[in-house]
């Protein structure tokens, strides 16, 4: 039987460009406690696979880890009324210059449910066409696009070179589908 938690009050703590932070006053059987929650609009991530089974990756600076990491293209669901697929199409083109005629939803996942509401929809994009990038923001403008064989991406996950959790999950999901 699931416990019956209730939220009595929500207090805004911080409003940011990408996310907000709120304090949720929660109770269970008369025991009150607070939890801070990062409220996020959601995101998409795209594992784009070309016909030679190369993964299109972006090497981008991330201030939170004070360095550049290799990751699949991704972005925030920040346009009202835009579907996750439309966001995925837009982000893939902006960050890499590639468009795709096939987008398959691999799943929607909770990033850090202990403190964040963020859900990320991960897509597999195939049948790629190369075009022009339209990077937004300083980090994207300084980023580079790399093509790495899926087998090498999996090895880089194993050896700890690729550490972005969304990239790791997407690659493992695609590899599992290839093996099936």
Foldseek 3Di string as FASTA:
>chain_A
DDFDKDWDDKAWDADDDFWTKIKTWMDTPPDIDIAIATEGQAKEFEFEQEPQQWTKWKFWQDVVVRHTAIATFMDGPPDPPQDNVNRHQVRCCQQFQKGAPDKDWLDWADDDVRHYPYIYTYIYGYRIDGGDHNHDDDGSVPMDIDIGHLVVLQVCVVVVRHDDVVRNVNSVSVVVVVVD
